[in-house]
Amino acid sequence: MSGKILIVDDQYGIRILLNEVFQKEGYETFQAANGVQALDLFAKHSPDLVLLDMKIPGMDGIEILKRMKEINDKVKVIVMTAYGELDMIQETKELGALMHFAKPFDIDEIRKAVKENIAKKM
């Protein structure tokens, strides 16, 4: 498999887990612990897909998603959250998020979702 994935999560363990899983699958991965890093890496590397946590100190996932869409409105984003607030989930859908995973998530489900969505052409 090939493609570039940006992993955005303030939890170190989750970033490392996702990074290891997707590197083993053959993807090039980038990690960000906050919104500023995420937007910098997004602009620099043009990832094929973003795994985006919603609750990040300093800049929430909604703001990050909005800014990414301003840079590339075709960006593929999968949202991860430990908080199942319906209004937030609805807003991310309206902004173009492909899917939502509640934490703790099933790693095999995320692997399948990433594989399917990177393979799709927009």
Protein backbone atom coordinates (compact mmCIF):
# COMPACT_ATOMS: atom_id res chain seq x y z
CA MET A 1 0.00 0.00 0.00
CA SER A 2 1.22 3.52 -0.59
CA GLY A 3 0.06 6.95 0.38
CA LYS A 4 0.66 9.64 2.96
CA ILE A 5 -1.22 9.85 6.26
CA LEU A 6 -1.19 12.70 8.74
CA ILE A 7 -2.00 11.58 12.29
CA VAL A 8 -3.23 14.40 14.52
CA ASP A 9 -3.75 13.53 18.19
CA ASP A 10 -2.52 15.07 21.43
CA GLN A 11 -2.20 11.62 23.02
CA TYR A 12 1.31 10.34 22.40
CA GLY A 13 0.35 6.66 22.71
CA ILE A 14 -2.36 6.91 20.08
CA ARG A 15 -0.06 8.74 17.66
CA ILE A 16 2.66 6.09 18.10
CA LEU A 17 0.21 3.19 17.72
CA LEU A 18 -1.32 4.60 14.53
CA ASN A 19 2.09 5.54 13.19
CA GLU A 20 3.47 2.01 13.68
CA VAL A 21 0.38 0.33 12.23
CA PHE A 22 0.33 2.44 9.08
CA GLN A 23 4.08 2.42 8.50
CA LYS A 24 3.95 -1.41 8.61
CA GLU A 25 1.20 -1.20 5.98
CA GLY A 26 3.57 0.75 3.74
CA TYR A 27 2.22 4.27 4.22
CA GLU A 28 4.35 7.34 4.76
CA THR A 29 3.17 8.89 8.02
CA PHE A 30 3.48 12.23 9.74
CA GLN A 31 2.50 13.03 13.32
CA ALA A 32 1.20 16.19 14.95
CA ALA A 33 0.37 16.76 18.62
CA ASN A 34 -1.39 20.09 18.09
CA GLY A 35 -3.14 22.20 15.49
CA VAL A 36 -0.16 24.35 14.54
CA GLN A 37 1.98 21.28 13.84
CA ALA A 38 -0.91 19.65 11.98
CA LEU A 39 -1.43 22.59 9.64
CA ASP A 40 2.31 22.95 9.02
CA LEU A 41 2.71 19.26 8.15
CA PHE A 42 -0.48 19.33 6.09
CA ALA A 43 0.76 22.24 3.97
CA LYS A 44 4.25 20.77 3.64
CA HIS A 45 3.40 17.14 2.78
CA SER A 46 -0.10 17.19 1.18
CA PRO A 47 -1.25 13.94 2.82
CA ASP A 48 -3.73 11.67 1.09
CA LEU A 49 -5.67 11.24 4.32
CA VAL A 50 -5.81 12.81 7.79
CA LEU A 51 -6.69 10.99 11.00
CA LEU A 52 -7.91 13.86 13.17
CA ASP A 53 -8.67 13.92 16.89
CA MET A 54 -11.32 16.48 17.86
CA LYS A 55 -10.15 17.48 21.33
CA ILE A 56 -6.70 19.02 21.03
CA PRO A 57 -5.43 21.80 23.30
CA GLY A 58 -5.08 25.20 21.68
CA MET A 59 -7.06 24.53 18.51
CA ASP A 60 -9.90 22.03 18.31
CA GLY A 61 -10.44 19.56 15.50
CA ILE A 62 -13.24 21.62 13.94
CA GLU A 63 -10.90 24.59 13.46
CA ILE A 64 -8.12 22.35 12.13
CA LEU A 65 -10.54 20.71 9.69
CA LYS A 66 -11.82 24.10 8.48
CA ARG A 67 -8.28 25.34 7.85
CA MET A 68 -7.26 22.15 6.07
CA LYS A 69 -10.31 22.45 3.81
CA GLU A 70 -9.24 26.03 2.96
CA ILE A 71 -5.87 24.68 1.83
CA ASN A 72 -7.27 21.62 0.02
CA ASP A 73 -11.03 21.20 -0.14
CA LYS A 74 -10.64 17.61 -1.38
CA VAL A 75 -8.72 16.42 1.68
CA LYS A 76 -9.92 13.10 3.08
CA VAL A 77 -10.42 13.24 6.84
CA ILE A 78 -11.37 10.54 9.32
CA VAL A 79 -12.33 11.92 12.72
CA MET A 80 -11.43 10.27 16.02
CA THR A 81 -12.93 11.39 19.30
CA ALA A 82 -13.51 10.26 22.84
CA TYR A 83 -16.35 12.73 22.97
CA GLY A 84 -19.49 11.78 21.08
CA GLU A 85 -21.11 15.20 20.99
CA LEU A 86 -23.71 15.03 18.25
CA ASP A 87 -23.41 18.68 17.21
CA MET A 88 -19.63 18.33 16.75
CA ILE A 89 -20.04 15.15 14.72
CA GLN A 90 -22.68 16.82 12.57
CA GLU A 91 -20.43 19.83 11.96
CA THR A 92 -17.50 17.62 10.89
CA LYS A 93 -19.82 15.82 8.46
CA GLU A 94 -20.92 19.14 7.01
CA LEU A 95 -17.25 20.10 6.63
CA GLY A 96 -16.60 16.89 4.69
CA ALA A 97 -15.26 14.36 7.20
CA LEU A 98 -15.63 10.88 5.74
CA MET A 99 -16.14 8.87 8.92
CA HIS A 100 -16.07 9.07 12.70
CA PHE A 101 -14.52 6.69 15.19
CA ALA A 102 -15.15 6.84 18.91
CA LYS A 103 -12.20 6.19 21.22
CA PRO A 104 -11.28 3.63 22.19
CA PHE A 105 -11.50 2.44 18.60
CA ASP A 106 -10.94 -0.91 16.94
CA ILE A 107 -7.60 -0.61 15.14
CA ASP A 108 -8.68 -3.08 12.45
CA GLU A 109 -11.72 -0.93 11.61
CA ILE A 110 -9.51 2.15 11.22
CA ARG A 111 -7.04 0.21 9.07
CA LYS A 112 -9.87 -0.91 6.80
CA ALA A 113 -11.33 2.61 6.59
CA VAL A 114 -7.94 4.13 5.74
CA LYS A 115 -7.21 1.52 3.08
CA GLU A 116 -10.62 1.96 1.44
CA ASN A 117 -10.57 5.75 1.51
CA ILE A 118 -7.02 6.21 0.28
CA ALA A 119 -7.81 3.89 -2.62
CA LYS A 120 -10.87 5.97 -3.62
CA LYS A 121 -10.33 8.79 -6.06
CA MET A 122 -12.17 12.02 -5.32
